[in-house]
Amino acid sequence: MEARMEHLNITFPEDLRRQLDLEAKREHTKRSTLLQKAVRVYLDIKKRKKIVALMREGYADMAKSDRETNKEWESALLDGMDD
């Protein structure tokens, strides 16, 4: 099933538009196809960065929890040695 396409009017600085046209020519594609690819890559990078940030946050929380658990076990073991 082909995606429904919509026309967008966008404004580019002249030098950036020239670079875009050169790259599209190098890739033997249309300007719009290259822009679609660029936006997909950009959105994928943003998504991956968000996932990595969430993973770091989760690992930091788990590490904190592990340290607290270790302290509790150490305390319990030391208390048992007093007997």
Protein backbone atom coordinates (compact mmCIF):
# COMPACT_ATOMS: atom_id res chain seq x y z
CA MET A 1 0.00 0.00 0.00
CA GLU A 2 1.54 3.29 -1.10
CA ALA A 3 1.59 6.17 1.35
CA ARG A 4 -0.51 9.20 0.55
CA MET A 5 1.77 12.01 -0.56
CA GLU A 6 1.25 15.68 0.28
CA HIS A 7 2.86 18.75 -1.21
CA LEU A 8 4.76 21.06 1.12
CA ASN A 9 6.04 24.53 0.40
CA ILE A 10 9.35 25.08 2.16
CA THR A 11 11.94 27.83 2.03
CA PHE A 12 15.68 27.20 1.82
CA PRO A 13 18.67 29.50 1.76
CA GLU A 14 20.05 29.54 -1.77
CA ASP A 15 23.37 27.86 -0.87
CA LEU A 16 21.63 25.03 0.96
CA ARG A 17 19.24 24.51 -1.94
CA ARG A 18 22.22 24.31 -4.31
CA GLN A 19 23.88 21.69 -2.11
CA LEU A 20 20.63 19.75 -1.98
CA ASP A 21 20.33 19.81 -5.76
CA LEU A 22 23.94 18.65 -6.20
CA GLU A 23 23.45 15.77 -3.80
CA ALA A 24 20.18 14.74 -5.41
CA LYS A 25 21.94 14.75 -8.79
CA ARG A 26 24.79 12.62 -7.37
CA GLU A 27 22.29 10.12 -6.02
CA HIS A 28 20.24 10.16 -9.23
CA THR A 29 17.12 11.06 -7.32
CA LYS A 30 14.67 13.90 -6.88
CA ARG A 31 15.06 16.71 -4.40
CA SER A 32 11.89 15.62 -2.57
CA THR A 33 13.11 12.01 -2.28
CA LEU A 34 16.37 13.17 -0.74
CA LEU A 35 14.53 15.42 1.71
CA GLN A 36 12.26 12.54 2.71
CA LYS A 37 15.31 10.36 3.41
CA ALA A 38 16.95 13.16 5.40
CA VAL A 39 13.87 13.69 7.55
CA ARG A 40 13.56 9.93 8.19
CA VAL A 41 17.21 9.76 9.28
CA TYR A 42 16.79 12.82 11.50
CA LEU A 43 13.69 11.40 13.19
CA ASP A 44 15.37 8.02 13.65
CA ILE A 45 18.37 9.67 15.33
CA LYS A 46 16.07 11.65 17.66
CA LYS A 47 14.19 8.44 18.54
CA ARG A 48 17.41 6.55 19.26
CA LYS A 49 18.74 9.39 21.44
CA LYS A 50 15.52 9.34 23.45
CA ILE A 51 15.76 5.56 23.91
CA VAL A 52 19.40 5.81 24.98
CA ALA A 53 18.52 8.54 27.50
CA LEU A 54 15.71 6.42 28.92
CA MET A 55 18.03 3.40 29.16
CA ARG A 56 20.69 5.45 30.97
CA GLU A 57 18.09 6.70 33.41
CA GLY A 58 16.84 3.17 34.01
CA TYR A 59 20.34 1.78 34.51
CA ALA A 60 21.16 4.60 36.94
CA ASP A 61 18.00 3.80 38.94
CA MET A 62 18.87 0.09 38.98
CA ALA A 63 22.43 0.84 40.11
CA LYS A 64 21.12 2.97 42.98
CA SER A 65 18.72 0.21 43.99
CA ASP A 66 21.54 -2.38 43.80
CA ARG A 67 23.79 -0.25 46.03
CA GLU A 68 21.00 0.08 48.60
CA THR A 69 20.38 -3.68 48.53
CA ASN A 70 24.10 -4.37 48.96
CA LYS A 71 24.23 -2.06 51.99
CA GLU A 72 21.29 -3.91 53.54
CA TRP A 73 22.96 -7.30 52.93
CA GLU A 74 26.29 -6.09 54.31
CA SER A 75 24.55 -4.79 57.40
CA ALA A 76 22.69 -8.07 57.86
CA LEU A 77 25.88 -10.10 57.41
CA LEU A 78 27.82 -7.95 59.86
CA ASP A 79 25.00 -8.22 62.40
CA GLY A 80 25.14 -12.00 62.05
CA MET A 81 28.88 -12.00 62.79
CA ASP A 82 28.28 -10.45 66.22
CA ASP A 83 26.61 -13.67 67.43
